[in-house]
């Protein structure tokens, strides 16, 4: 019995010892969990600050000219997180406050003409403990710093320090960001963005506006690639704003025309080998292509390809007048109107006219053949209603036997060369 009682007593002592050890471990574990939560809170705070700083850098670079104008004469400009979100530099769902309930504001000033300095400062919420704020600032990335309660008028980073007087007294979203008081400014993160001239990030961005003295900020140093919605089809809608894009098929530059359609910057298109290769679709009136097999150009009329000069069948169609020093043809010249020459029209095979051949000075040749017979005494020099004259005085005809007749006055009839109606 005594042995059994001694064994039961030892068991109770062991249980009490185990409970004591467990209590100590639980306290330590609770402390570790608390520290871990604090560390996660600090990390998230630093990450959020870094995101705002990155967005502020891009915002200042993109709006440099406007900010220079707004901060002239020593003025201080505040940019809210909401503005960064609206401008697309922060996602729409980005939190307005960090885990400590602090908001962020970008304070921009121009200490010297053309140079912008920006301070991304936290305000409101709960103060970050002194034991943690330096570490949080270091985790916030380049330019990270803080304001301590011990020195509320100084912002301090790992490699920089500045007096906040020039940034004090400005409201952001209706609340003063910095005022120099320990209770107000202490325990908040600040990040410095110090710009040399147009900005320390000038090599990373192509500026939309002119930067005085820095033309390189408006120049591309590499090819500009186009993708997605910037690859378009000419002739499709493009809206009303001026814009450029790339033809998705030919990879040539196109512009948004005044008619609201994408148009090729040049009407000259890529050449094709044969006339049949000219595209039937995707054309714009005025497009021009060369057909290399013919060495000829064709333009698109809006419904069909039309020859610029000689067509695919070797025909030349001119709706107006053709002027040339010499017209040389191997077959025939056919016209529905009149062929006029200031000098000589010659032919080795003869000339045929279905109406009149008129010589202003003279007509000559070894033989004159008249193929239409008329009777002596036929009237001539007849005035027609339209003012023209049929068989003018001096006109020649022949009779049925081939004897020559001429229109003679005063009786205006055809007579033989002896002036009578008999040969």
Protein backbone atom coordinates (compact mmCIF):
# COMPACT_ATOMS: atom_id res chain seq x y z
CA UNK A 1 0.00 0.00 0.00
CA UNK A 2 2.74 2.43 0.89
CA UNK A 3 4.40 1.72 -2.43
CA UNK A 4 1.25 2.49 -4.35
CA UNK A 5 0.75 5.81 -2.53
CA UNK A 6 4.30 6.85 -3.31
CA UNK A 7 3.76 6.11 -7.00
CA UNK A 8 0.56 8.18 -7.11
CA UNK A 9 2.33 11.15 -5.51
CA UNK A 10 5.12 11.13 -8.07
CA UNK A 11 2.59 11.16 -10.92
CA UNK A 12 0.90 14.30 -9.62
CA UNK A 13 4.23 16.09 -9.36
CA UNK A 14 5.05 15.16 -12.93
CA UNK A 15 1.70 16.53 -14.16
CA UNK A 16 2.26 19.79 -12.33
CA UNK A 17 5.74 20.08 -13.81
CA UNK A 18 4.41 19.43 -17.30
CA UNK A 19 1.76 22.09 -16.88
CA UNK A 20 4.36 24.57 -15.71
CA UNK A 21 6.57 23.83 -18.71
CA UNK A 22 3.58 24.10 -21.06
CA UNK A 23 2.65 27.46 -19.57
CA UNK A 24 6.14 28.78 -20.16
CA UNK A 25 6.11 27.47 -23.72
CA UNK A 26 2.67 28.96 -24.33
CA UNK A 27 3.80 32.37 -23.16
CA UNK A 28 6.86 32.16 -25.40
CA UNK A 29 4.78 30.94 -28.34
CA UNK A 30 2.27 33.75 -27.86
CA UNK A 31 5.12 36.24 -27.85
CA UNK A 32 6.54 34.71 -31.03
CA UNK A 33 3.13 34.79 -32.73
CA UNK A 34 2.69 38.40 -31.69
CA UNK A 35 6.12 39.32 -33.02
CA UNK A 36 5.40 37.47 -36.26
CA UNK A 37 2.13 39.33 -36.72
CA UNK A 38 3.90 42.62 -36.06
CA UNK A 39 6.56 41.73 -38.61
CA UNK A 40 3.93 40.89 -41.21
CA UNK A 41 2.19 44.17 -40.44
CA UNK A 42 5.45 46.05 -40.87
CA UNK A 43 6.24 44.25 -44.12
CA UNK A 44 2.82 45.04 -45.57
CA UNK A 45 3.20 48.68 -44.53
CA UNK A 46 6.59 48.89 -46.25
CA UNK A 47 5.25 47.16 -49.37
CA UNK A 48 2.33 49.56 -49.64
CA UNK A 49 4.66 52.55 -49.23
CA UNK A 50 6.95 51.19 -51.97
CA UNK A 51 3.97 50.81 -54.33
CA UNK A 52 2.88 54.40 -53.74
CA UNK A 53 6.45 55.63 -54.28
CA UNK A 54 6.72 53.75 -57.59
CA UNK A 55 3.39 55.18 -58.73
CA UNK A 56 4.45 58.67 -57.66
CA UNK A 57 7.67 58.38 -59.67
CA UNK A 58 5.77 57.49 -62.82
CA UNK A 59 3.18 60.20 -62.19
CA UNK A 60 5.79 62.92 -61.77
CA UNK A 61 7.65 61.75 -64.89
CA UNK A 62 4.48 61.66 -66.98
CA UNK A 63 3.20 65.03 -65.75
CA UNK A 64 6.50 66.85 -65.43
CA UNK A 65 5.56 69.96 -67.43
CA UNK A 66 2.24 70.39 -65.62
CA UNK A 67 3.89 69.98 -62.22
CA UNK A 68 6.62 72.48 -63.10
CA UNK A 69 3.92 75.00 -63.98
CA UNK A 70 1.92 74.22 -60.81
CA UNK A 71 4.91 74.54 -58.46
CA UNK A 72 6.31 77.78 -59.82
CA UNK A 73 7.08 80.55 -57.36
CA UNK A 74 7.66 78.17 -54.46
CA UNK A 75 4.16 76.65 -54.53
CA UNK A 76 3.64 73.16 -53.13
CA UNK A 77 1.35 70.68 -54.89
CA UNK A 78 -0.30 67.66 -53.28
CA UNK A 79 -1.13 64.51 -55.27
CA UNK A 80 -3.51 62.05 -53.61
CA UNK A 81 -3.63 58.27 -53.86
CA UNK A 82 -6.99 58.71 -55.59
CA UNK A 83 -5.28 60.78 -58.31
CA UNK A 84 -2.64 58.10 -58.78
CA UNK A 85 -5.40 55.53 -59.18
CA UNK A 86 -7.35 57.71 -61.62
CA UNK A 87 -4.21 58.24 -63.71
CA UNK A 88 -3.70 54.47 -63.88
CA UNK A 89 -0.49 54.33 -61.85
CA UNK A 90 -2.16 52.37 -59.01
CA UNK A 91 -4.81 49.65 -59.36
CA UNK A 92 -8.42 50.66 -58.74
CA UNK A 93 -8.63 48.37 -55.71
CA UNK A 94 -5.50 49.73 -54.02
CA UNK A 95 -6.09 50.30 -50.28
CA UNK A 96 -6.45 53.91 -49.17
CA UNK A 97 -4.61 53.28 -45.88
CA UNK A 98 -1.77 51.02 -44.69
CA UNK A 99 -2.07 48.44 -41.85
CA UNK A 100 -1.49 51.27 -39.33
CA UNK A 101 -4.40 53.23 -40.80
CA UNK A 102 -2.09 55.84 -42.30
CA UNK A 103 -2.86 57.50 -45.65
CA UNK A 104 -0.18 58.58 -48.14
CA UNK A 105 0.22 61.83 -50.06
CA UNK A 106 2.74 62.97 -52.67
CA UNK A 107 4.03 66.48 -51.90
CA UNK A 108 5.79 68.09 -54.89
CA UNK A 109 7.85 71.27 -54.88
CA UNK A 110 10.32 73.01 -57.23
CA UNK A 111 13.35 74.17 -55.22
CA UNK A 112 15.12 75.44 -58.36
CA UNK A 113 13.70 76.13 -61.83
CA UNK A 114 13.14 72.87 -63.69
CA UNK A 115 13.97 70.63 -60.73
CA UNK A 116 11.19 68.76 -58.93
CA UNK A 117 11.48 67.19 -55.48
CA UNK A 118 8.71 64.99 -54.14
CA UNK A 119 8.04 63.60 -50.67
CA UNK A 120 5.67 60.66 -50.28
CA UNK A 121 4.48 61.24 -46.72
CA UNK A 122 2.16 59.24 -44.48
CA UNK A 123 -0.41 60.98 -42.28
CA UNK A 124 -3.23 60.09 -39.91
CA UNK A 125 -3.82 56.62 -38.44
CA UNK A 126 -1.67 55.17 -35.65
CA UNK A 127 2.01 55.97 -35.20
CA UNK A 128 4.47 53.23 -36.10
CA UNK A 129 6.48 52.36 -32.95
CA UNK A 130 9.97 53.83 -32.72
CA UNK A 131 11.45 50.34 -32.36
CA UNK A 132 10.08 49.32 -35.76
CA UNK A 133 9.83 52.44 -37.92
CA UNK A 134 13.47 52.49 -39.06
CA UNK A 135 13.24 48.87 -40.21
CA UNK A 136 9.94 49.54 -41.99
CA UNK A 137 11.51 52.53 -43.77
CA UNK A 138 14.42 50.37 -44.96
CA UNK A 139 11.99 47.77 -46.33
CA UNK A 140 10.07 50.50 -48.22
CA UNK A 141 12.70 50.57 -50.97
CA UNK A 142 14.77 53.32 -52.54
CA UNK A 143 14.26 56.70 -50.90
CA UNK A 144 12.51 55.17 -47.89
CA UNK A 145 12.59 57.20 -44.67
CA UNK A 146 10.54 58.26 -41.65
CA UNK A 147 9.72 61.03 -39.20
CA UNK A 148 10.23 60.18 -35.52
CA UNK A 149 8.43 61.72 -32.56
CA UNK A 150 11.81 62.69 -31.12
CA UNK A 151 12.60 64.86 -34.19
CA UNK A 152 9.24 65.65 -35.80
CA UNK A 153 10.62 68.36 -38.10
CA UNK A 154 13.15 66.11 -39.84
CA UNK A 155 12.58 63.35 -42.40
CA UNK A 156 15.40 60.84 -42.39
CA UNK A 157 16.36 58.03 -44.78
CA UNK A 158 19.30 55.68 -44.94
CA UNK A 159 21.24 58.06 -47.22
CA UNK A 160 19.38 61.35 -46.96
CA UNK A 161 17.91 63.79 -44.46
CA UNK A 162 15.86 66.95 -44.88
CA UNK A 163 13.96 69.48 -42.81
CA UNK A 164 10.24 69.18 -43.57
CA UNK A 165 9.44 72.87 -43.13
CA UNK A 166 9.05 73.43 -46.89
CA UNK A 167 6.52 70.57 -47.05
CA UNK A 168 4.40 71.56 -44.06
CA UNK A 169 0.92 73.05 -43.99
CA UNK A 170 -0.46 71.44 -47.14
CA UNK A 171 -3.70 69.42 -47.03
CA UNK A 172 -4.25 66.17 -48.87
CA UNK A 173 -7.86 64.98 -49.18
CA UNK A 174 -8.82 67.63 -46.63
CA UNK A 175 -6.24 66.70 -43.97
CA UNK A 176 -2.93 68.45 -43.28
CA UNK A 177 -0.11 66.05 -44.07
CA UNK A 178 2.80 67.57 -42.11
CA UNK A 179 2.73 70.31 -39.49
CA UNK A 180 5.98 69.76 -37.54
CA UNK A 181 4.30 68.52 -34.34
CA UNK A 182 5.54 65.31 -32.72
CA UNK A 183 2.06 63.95 -32.09
CA UNK A 184 1.03 64.63 -35.67
CA UNK A 185 4.12 63.82 -37.76
CA UNK A 186 5.99 61.33 -35.59
CA UNK A 187 5.74 57.63 -36.40
CA UNK A 188 4.97 58.12 -40.09
CA UNK A 189 6.83 56.96 -43.18
CA UNK A 190 8.21 59.39 -45.76
CA UNK A 191 10.02 58.58 -49.01
CA UNK A 192 12.11 61.08 -50.93
CA UNK A 193 12.05 61.42 -54.71
CA UNK A 194 14.73 63.91 -55.65
CA UNK A 195 14.77 64.87 -59.33
CA UNK A 196 17.76 66.30 -61.15
CA UNK A 197 16.25 68.60 -63.74
CA UNK A 198 13.32 66.93 -65.44
CA UNK A 199 13.72 63.86 -63.21
CA UNK A 200 16.04 61.14 -62.12
CA UNK A 201 13.94 58.66 -64.09
CA UNK A 202 14.36 60.51 -67.38
CA UNK A 203 16.11 57.56 -68.99
CA UNK A 204 13.12 55.33 -68.29
CA UNK A 205 10.36 57.41 -69.86
CA UNK A 206 9.51 59.16 -73.10
CA UNK A 207 8.10 62.53 -72.06
CA UNK A 208 4.79 63.60 -73.59
CA UNK A 209 5.54 67.32 -73.28
CA UNK A 210 8.52 69.47 -74.24
CA UNK A 211 11.20 69.62 -71.54
CA UNK A 212 13.24 72.84 -71.88
CA UNK A 213 16.90 72.06 -72.52
CA UNK A 214 16.35 68.29 -72.61
CA UNK A 215 15.34 67.30 -76.16
CA UNK A 216 16.53 63.72 -75.56
CA UNK A 217 13.54 63.19 -73.26
CA UNK A 218 11.27 63.36 -76.31
CA UNK A 219 13.35 60.93 -78.38
CA UNK A 220 13.14 57.15 -78.75
CA UNK A 221 16.44 55.26 -78.74
CA UNK A 222 14.99 51.99 -79.98
CA UNK A 223 12.30 50.76 -82.34
CA UNK A 224 8.76 51.34 -81.09
CA UNK A 225 6.85 48.05 -81.15
CA UNK A 226 3.10 47.82 -81.78
CA UNK A 227 0.82 45.01 -80.63
CA UNK A 228 -2.77 44.25 -79.71
CA UNK A 229 -5.18 47.08 -80.50
CA UNK A 230 -2.38 49.03 -82.24
CA UNK A 231 -2.47 46.49 -85.12
CA UNK A 232 -5.42 47.52 -87.30
CA UNK A 233 -7.02 47.03 -90.70
CA UNK A 234 -7.15 50.05 -93.05
CA UNK A 235 -10.69 51.15 -93.78
CA UNK A 236 -12.03 50.15 -90.36
CA UNK A 237 -13.35 52.61 -87.77
CA UNK A 238 -10.83 54.45 -85.59
CA UNK A 239 -12.92 57.11 -83.82
CA UNK A 240 -12.41 60.84 -84.05
CA UNK A 241 -9.09 61.37 -82.24
CA UNK A 242 -5.79 61.76 -84.10
CA UNK A 243 -3.86 58.49 -83.80
CA UNK A 244 -1.34 56.23 -85.52
CA UNK A 245 -1.22 52.44 -85.72
CA UNK A 246 0.24 49.63 -87.84
CA UNK A 247 -1.46 47.84 -90.73
CA UNK A 248 -1.75 44.29 -89.41
CA UNK A 249 -1.24 42.84 -92.90
CA UNK A 250 1.43 45.01 -94.53
CA UNK A 251 3.01 46.37 -91.29
CA UNK A 252 2.99 49.89 -92.70
CA UNK A 253 2.02 52.97 -90.70
CA UNK A 254 -1.64 54.03 -90.82
CA UNK A 255 -3.35 57.10 -89.40
CA UNK A 256 -6.85 57.84 -88.15
CA UNK A 257 -8.29 60.02 -90.90
CA UNK A 258 -10.81 62.84 -90.67
CA UNK A 259 -13.47 60.41 -91.91
CA UNK A 260 -13.01 58.24 -88.80
CA UNK A 261 -11.33 55.38 -90.69
CA UNK A 262 -7.79 54.01 -90.55
CA UNK A 263 -5.92 55.18 -93.65
CA UNK A 264 -2.50 54.36 -95.05
CA UNK A 265 0.04 57.11 -94.54
CA UNK A 266 1.00 56.70 -98.22
CA UNK A 267 -1.22 55.71 -101.14
CA UNK A 268 1.62 53.69 -102.70
CA UNK A 269 1.20 50.04 -101.78
CA UNK A 270 3.39 46.99 -102.20
CA UNK A 271 3.89 45.93 -105.84
CA UNK A 272 2.36 42.77 -107.31
CA UNK A 273 3.61 40.57 -110.11
CA UNK A 274 0.58 40.34 -112.39
CA UNK A 275 -2.56 42.40 -112.98
CA UNK A 276 -4.64 39.52 -111.63
CA UNK A 277 -2.72 39.77 -108.34
CA UNK A 278 -4.13 43.22 -107.52
CA UNK A 279 -6.21 42.71 -104.34
CA UNK A 280 -9.99 42.88 -104.60
CA UNK A 281 -10.53 43.79 -100.93
CA UNK A 282 -8.89 46.00 -98.31
CA UNK A 283 -8.34 48.84 -100.77
CA UNK A 284 -8.92 52.57 -100.33
CA UNK A 285 -9.71 54.97 -103.15
CA UNK A 286 -6.43 56.48 -104.33
CA UNK A 287 -4.27 53.44 -103.56
CA UNK A 288 -1.54 52.86 -106.16
CA UNK A 289 0.30 49.61 -106.94
CA UNK A 290 2.89 48.70 -109.55
CA UNK A 291 2.40 45.56 -111.66
CA UNK A 292 5.99 44.46 -112.17
CA UNK A 293 5.32 42.12 -115.10
CA UNK A 294 3.93 45.09 -117.05
CA UNK A 295 6.07 47.84 -115.49
CA UNK A 296 2.89 49.88 -115.14
CA UNK A 297 1.01 51.55 -112.32
CA UNK A 298 -2.65 51.14 -111.39
CA UNK A 299 -4.80 53.17 -109.00
CA UNK A 300 -7.88 52.05 -107.09
CA UNK A 301 -10.94 54.11 -108.06
CA UNK A 302 -13.05 52.94 -105.14
CA UNK A 303 -14.54 50.02 -107.04
CA UNK A 304 -11.85 48.79 -109.45
CA UNK A 305 -8.18 49.08 -110.39
CA UNK A 306 -7.67 51.64 -113.18
CA UNK A 307 -4.54 52.14 -115.26
CA UNK A 308 -2.52 55.23 -114.53
CA UNK A 309 -1.49 55.26 -118.22
CA UNK A 310 -1.44 52.24 -120.58
CA UNK A 311 -3.72 49.51 -119.22
CA UNK A 312 -3.22 45.76 -118.97
CA UNK A 313 -4.43 45.35 -122.58
CA UNK A 314 -1.97 47.96 -123.94
CA UNK A 315 -4.70 50.58 -124.40
CA UNK A 316 -4.28 54.24 -123.51
CA UNK A 317 -7.49 56.00 -122.56
CA UNK A 318 -7.33 59.78 -122.27
CA UNK A 319 -10.64 61.61 -121.70
CA UNK A 320 -9.07 64.98 -122.57
CA UNK A 321 -6.33 65.98 -125.02
CA UNK A 322 -3.07 64.23 -125.87
CA UNK A 323 -0.16 66.56 -126.73
CA UNK A 324 2.92 65.08 -128.37
CA UNK A 325 5.73 66.19 -130.69
CA UNK A 326 5.43 62.93 -132.61
CA UNK A 327 2.70 60.27 -132.74
CA UNK A 328 4.05 57.11 -134.35
CA UNK A 329 1.72 54.16 -134.83
CA UNK A 330 2.27 50.85 -136.57
CA UNK A 331 -1.43 50.29 -137.36
CA UNK A 332 -4.06 53.04 -137.19
CA UNK A 333 -5.14 56.19 -135.42
CA UNK A 334 -8.89 56.15 -134.81
CA UNK A 335 -10.79 59.13 -133.44
CA UNK A 336 -14.44 60.08 -133.09
CA UNK A 337 -13.51 63.73 -133.51
CA UNK A 338 -10.83 65.61 -135.41
CA UNK A 339 -7.12 64.99 -135.88
CA UNK A 340 -5.36 68.36 -136.07
CA UNK A 341 -1.70 69.01 -136.80
CA UNK A 342 0.12 72.34 -136.92
CA UNK A 343 2.54 70.87 -139.46
CA UNK A 344 2.28 67.63 -141.43
CA UNK A 345 0.24 64.43 -141.14
CA UNK A 346 1.91 61.77 -143.26
CA UNK A 347 1.21 58.13 -144.01
CA UNK A 348 3.04 55.59 -146.13
CA UNK A 349 -0.16 53.61 -146.80
CA UNK A 350 -2.65 56.43 -147.43
CA UNK A 351 -5.30 58.32 -145.55
CA UNK A 352 -9.01 57.60 -145.38
CA UNK A 353 -11.64 60.13 -144.29
CA UNK A 354 -15.38 59.41 -144.13
CA UNK A 355 -16.18 63.15 -144.26
CA UNK A 356 -13.95 66.09 -145.22
CA UNK A 357 -10.25 66.44 -145.76
CA UNK A 358 -9.43 70.15 -145.56
CA UNK A 359 -6.13 71.69 -146.60
CA UNK A 360 -5.54 75.22 -145.28
CA UNK A 361 -2.83 75.92 -147.86
CA UNK A 362 -2.61 73.14 -150.45
CA UNK A 363 -2.86 69.41 -151.02
CA UNK A 364 -0.51 67.71 -153.42
CA UNK A 365 0.23 64.29 -154.76
CA UNK A 366 0.98 62.41 -157.96
CA UNK A 367 -2.66 61.33 -158.37
CA UNK A 368 -6.05 62.65 -157.21
CA UNK A 369 -8.77 60.03 -157.48
CA UNK A 370 -12.46 60.97 -157.35
CA UNK A 371 -14.69 57.97 -156.79
CA UNK A 372 -18.14 59.66 -156.85
CA UNK A 373 -19.81 60.57 -160.24
CA UNK A 374 -22.26 63.44 -160.77
CA UNK A 375 -24.23 64.79 -163.77
CA UNK A 376 -23.24 68.05 -165.49
CA UNK A 377 -25.52 70.93 -164.43
CA UNK A 378 -25.95 69.63 -160.88
CA UNK A 379 -26.40 72.63 -158.51
CA UNK A 380 -23.51 73.54 -156.26
CA UNK A 381 -22.42 76.25 -153.81
CA UNK A 382 -25.63 75.51 -151.90
CA UNK A 383 -26.09 77.33 -148.57
CA UNK A 384 -27.51 75.00 -145.95
CA UNK A 385 -29.77 76.03 -142.99
CA UNK A 386 -26.95 75.43 -140.54
CA UNK A 387 -24.75 77.94 -142.38
CA UNK A 388 -22.56 75.39 -144.13
CA UNK A 389 -22.11 75.16 -147.90
CA UNK A 390 -22.46 72.07 -150.04
CA UNK A 391 -20.04 71.91 -152.97
CA UNK A 392 -18.23 75.21 -152.64
CA UNK A 393 -17.15 77.11 -155.78
CA UNK A 394 -14.14 75.24 -157.15
CA UNK A 395 -15.21 71.80 -155.90
CA UNK A 396 -14.29 68.93 -158.25
CA UNK A 397 -16.38 65.92 -159.24
CA UNK A 398 -16.43 63.57 -162.24
CA UNK A 399 -19.16 62.49 -164.61
CA UNK A 400 -20.12 58.92 -165.41
CA UNK A 401 -17.41 58.76 -168.07
CA UNK A 402 -14.66 60.10 -165.84
CA UNK A 403 -14.52 63.62 -167.27
CA UNK A 404 -13.70 66.30 -164.69
CA UNK A 405 -16.44 68.68 -163.55
CA UNK A 406 -16.12 71.74 -161.32
CA UNK A 407 -18.52 74.02 -159.47
CA UNK A 408 -18.54 77.28 -161.47
CA UNK A 409 -20.26 80.65 -161.03
CA UNK A 410 -22.36 82.57 -161.78
CA UNK A 411 -25.09 79.95 -162.19
CA UNK A 412 -23.49 77.71 -159.50
CA UNK A 413 -23.64 74.37 -161.30
CA UNK A 414 -21.06 71.71 -162.19
CA UNK A 415 -19.57 72.30 -165.67
CA UNK A 416 -16.73 70.92 -167.70
CA UNK A 417 -13.43 72.74 -167.94
CA UNK A 418 -14.65 74.50 -171.13
CA UNK A 419 -17.39 76.23 -169.10
CA UNK A 420 -20.24 74.29 -170.76
CA UNK A 421 -22.35 71.26 -169.94
CA UNK A 422 -20.68 69.19 -172.65
CA UNK A 423 -17.08 67.94 -172.72
